[in-house]
Amino acid sequence: MKNRNITGIVVAIIYCVVLYVFLTDAPPGEAPNNPFWVYLLIPLGAVVITSLFDYVIKFDLFRKKKK
């Protein structure tokens, strides 16, 4: 298995939790009224974030390179 970027995974998990809380927020007694495609932003955003950290940014805060 490829060495995954731990920083990208952590940022993607934080993104998923924050977006889920934001999307399910509604006034008391009412259900959240969002279109279906808005909920697709959660997994799509996580894939984009992990891909960016794996292939473009290549910065890993948790796994330091040995000199």
C-alpha atoms as a PDB file:
ATOM      1  CA  MET A   1       0.000   0.000   0.000  1.00  0.00           C
ATOM      2  CA  LYS A   2       1.189   3.482  -0.838  1.00  0.00           C
ATOM      3  CA  ASN A   3       2.316   5.697   2.015  1.00  0.00           C
ATOM      4  CA  ARG A   4      -0.655   7.993   2.454  1.00  0.00           C
ATOM      5  CA  ASN A   5      -0.252  11.583   3.575  1.00  0.00           C
ATOM      6  CA  ILE A   6      -1.489  11.660   7.172  1.00  0.00           C
ATOM      7  CA  THR A   7      -1.992  15.443   7.140  1.00  0.00           C
ATOM      8  CA  GLY A   8      -4.329  15.163   4.145  1.00  0.00           C
ATOM      9  CA  ILE A   9      -6.363  12.454   5.852  1.00  0.00           C
ATOM     10  CA  VAL A  10      -6.700  14.512   9.057  1.00  0.00           C
ATOM     11  CA  VAL A  11      -7.717  17.633   7.124  1.00  0.00           C
ATOM     12  CA  ALA A  12     -10.264  15.598   5.113  1.00  0.00           C
ATOM     13  CA  ILE A  13     -11.809  14.159   8.289  1.00  0.00           C
ATOM     14  CA  ILE A  14     -12.075  17.634   9.827  1.00  0.00           C
ATOM     15  CA  TYR A  15     -13.657  18.882   6.582  1.00  0.00           C
ATOM     16  CA  CYS A  16     -16.223  16.055   6.638  1.00  0.00           C
ATOM     17  CA  VAL A  17     -17.214  16.665  10.262  1.00  0.00           C
ATOM     18  CA  VAL A  18     -17.509  20.439   9.868  1.00  0.00           C
ATOM     19  CA  LEU A  19     -19.483  20.201   6.620  1.00  0.00           C
ATOM     20  CA  TYR A  20     -21.825  17.566   8.096  1.00  0.00           C
ATOM     21  CA  VAL A  21     -22.525  19.758  11.131  1.00  0.00           C
ATOM     22  CA  PHE A  22     -23.069  22.769   8.866  1.00  0.00           C
ATOM     23  CA  LEU A  23     -25.424  20.884   6.514  1.00  0.00           C
ATOM     24  CA  THR A  24     -27.521  19.277   9.256  1.00  0.00           C
ATOM     25  CA  ASP A  25     -27.940  22.523  11.173  1.00  0.00           C
ATOM     26  CA  ALA A  26     -31.584  23.582  11.187  1.00  0.00           C
ATOM     27  CA  PRO A  27     -33.899  25.509  13.488  1.00  0.00           C
ATOM     28  CA  PRO A  28     -35.393  23.437  16.315  1.00  0.00           C
ATOM     29  CA  GLY A  29     -38.356  21.365  15.158  1.00  0.00           C
ATOM     30  CA  GLU A  30     -37.487  21.556  11.455  1.00  0.00           C
ATOM     31  CA  ALA A  31     -35.648  19.109   9.242  1.00  0.00           C
ATOM     32  CA  PRO A  32     -32.655  20.272   7.193  1.00  0.00           C
ATOM     33  CA  ASN A  33     -33.835  21.245   3.714  1.00  0.00           C
ATOM     34  CA  ASN A  34     -30.879  20.760   1.355  1.00  0.00           C
ATOM     35  CA  PRO A  35     -30.800  19.294  -2.163  1.00  0.00           C
ATOM     36  CA  PHE A  36     -29.237  15.860  -2.580  1.00  0.00           C
ATOM     37  CA  TRP A  37     -26.186  17.105  -4.450  1.00  0.00           C
ATOM     38  CA  VAL A  38     -25.086  19.200  -1.466  1.00  0.00           C
ATOM     39  CA  TYR A  39     -24.504  16.040   0.569  1.00  0.00           C
ATOM     40  CA  LEU A  40     -22.267  14.722  -2.218  1.00  0.00           C
ATOM     41  CA  LEU A  41     -19.807  17.501  -1.378  1.00  0.00           C
ATOM     42  CA  ILE A  42     -18.738  15.556   1.734  1.00  0.00           C
ATOM     43  CA  PRO A  43     -17.095  12.533   0.023  1.00  0.00           C
ATOM     44  CA  LEU A  44     -16.047  14.498  -3.069  1.00  0.00           C
ATOM     45  CA  GLY A  45     -14.329  17.111  -0.928  1.00  0.00           C
ATOM     46  CA  ALA A  46     -12.551  14.429   1.086  1.00  0.00           C
ATOM     47  CA  VAL A  47     -11.238  12.794  -2.101  1.00  0.00           C
ATOM     48  CA  VAL A  48     -10.063  16.138  -3.491  1.00  0.00           C
ATOM     49  CA  ILE A  49      -8.317  17.095  -0.236  1.00  0.00           C
ATOM     50  CA  THR A  50      -6.494  13.773   0.131  1.00  0.00           C
ATOM     51  CA  SER A  51      -5.494  13.844  -3.551  1.00  0.00           C
ATOM     52  CA  LEU A  52      -4.148  17.377  -3.223  1.00  0.00           C
ATOM     53  CA  PHE A  53      -2.053  16.461  -0.211  1.00  0.00           C
ATOM     54  CA  ASP A  54      -0.841  13.189  -1.805  1.00  0.00           C
ATOM     55  CA  TYR A  55       0.128  14.470  -5.259  1.00  0.00           C
ATOM     56  CA  VAL A  56       0.303  18.282  -5.301  1.00  0.00           C
ATOM     57  CA  ILE A  57       1.204  19.700  -1.893  1.00  0.00           C
ATOM     58  CA  LYS A  58       3.207  16.672  -0.629  1.00  0.00           C
ATOM     59  CA  PHE A  59       3.541  18.203   2.853  1.00  0.00           C
ATOM     60  CA  ASP A  60       3.080  15.830   5.767  1.00  0.00           C
ATOM     61  CA  LEU A  61       3.085  17.355   9.205  1.00  0.00           C
ATOM     62  CA  PHE A  62       2.896  14.010  11.031  1.00  0.00           C
ATOM     63  CA  ARG A  63       5.441  11.961   9.073  1.00  0.00           C
ATOM     64  CA  LYS A  64       8.775  13.760   8.984  1.00  0.00           C
ATOM     65  CA  LYS A  65      11.417  12.812   6.431  1.00  0.00           C
ATOM     66  CA  LYS A  66      14.663  11.479   7.872  1.00  0.00           C
ATOM     67  CA  LYS A  67      17.795  13.350   6.892  1.00  0.00           C
END
